[in-house]
Amino acid sequence: MRILLFGSTGQVGWELRRSLSVLGEVIAPGRIPAADGLCGDLSDLDGLAATIRCVAPAVIVNAAAYTAVDKAEGDANTAARINAEAPAMMARAAGALGAWLLHYSTDYVFDGSGTRPWAEEDATGPLSVYGQTKLAGEQAVQGYARHTILRTSWVYGARGGNFAKTMLRLGAERATLNVIADQWGAPTSAELLADVSAHALALSLRAPAVAGLYHCAAGGETTWHGYASYVLEQARALGWALQAQSVNAIPTSSYPTPAARPLNSRLNTQRVRDTFGLALPPWQHGVLRMLQEISPPPAPTTSSA
């Protein structure tokens, strides 16, 4: 079975190259066309279409996206092309081939109101261009029968940049950190998403009736402040040399950004757990695993003669 993976160099895509390999041959074109002519640049719709026709995969996985949330406010056309038009094209191409399409979306499709975890059927209301374009993309994919959409939140991985690594860098440089404490969600590892994806795909190919939209995030909830505090606490225990002595909790209003962020990014994952027979571990498990993976080596010891 051929699996065509877009976005293979991103945090989730990198893990998908591993998890999907047990299902079939994973073909992962880069953004710059290689000698084989395959194109993985989501802004090149003609190149993407030609690549899909050439590979003729049984499964298309789209782990690529325009994720520069603030930049998207002034670059809406590019964000729409990558986040909405490219997935729509993939859905049409998948339909022509009879291929399965796996696509990823985001908690940013909601307006962030309330405190209840969002269910799949709840009304959407994105606050930003990024959220609007991601919503348009998932709606396009939903127009094709053989699909799985995984909405997720606060993604991180050992590979690439992320919030935890930023906190480690700042914690090594500064005595005090100010971190937002009124946005709620669940840090979700790229590794977990990739493993869930492979499991869900395997079942979906055997039982196409499970096609649809699912929320997928690690268990539990926290704020960015709680997340940062946990990262620094565990990093110290692992031997990181940190200067930060305090992490101050601040409101979103104290840290204005071009794009509005949802305050409530909690996702109800009951549907994905019930449908695919999954247990989603607490968010702390994945964060600690990542910290253990990227921890610096112990300082060399010296001995006296």
Foldseek 3Di string as FASTA:
>chain_A
DEEEEAPLQDQLNVLLVVQQVVVHHYDYADCDQDPVQAHRNLLPQVSPLVNCVVRLGQEYEYPDADDPFQVCQVVLVSRLSRQAVSLLSVLVSCVVSVHAYEYEAELQQAQQDDADADEPPDDGDHQGSNNVSNVNSVVSNVVHQRYEYEYEYQEDELPDDHLLVVLLVVQAPDQEAEFEFQAKEFYAYSNVVSNLVNLVVVVCVVPVVLHDYFYDGADDMGGRQVVSVLSVVLLVVVPRRGNHPYYHYDHPVVPDGSTDDRSYSHHDGPSSCVVRVDDHHGRSVRSSVSCVVPRDDDDDDDDDD
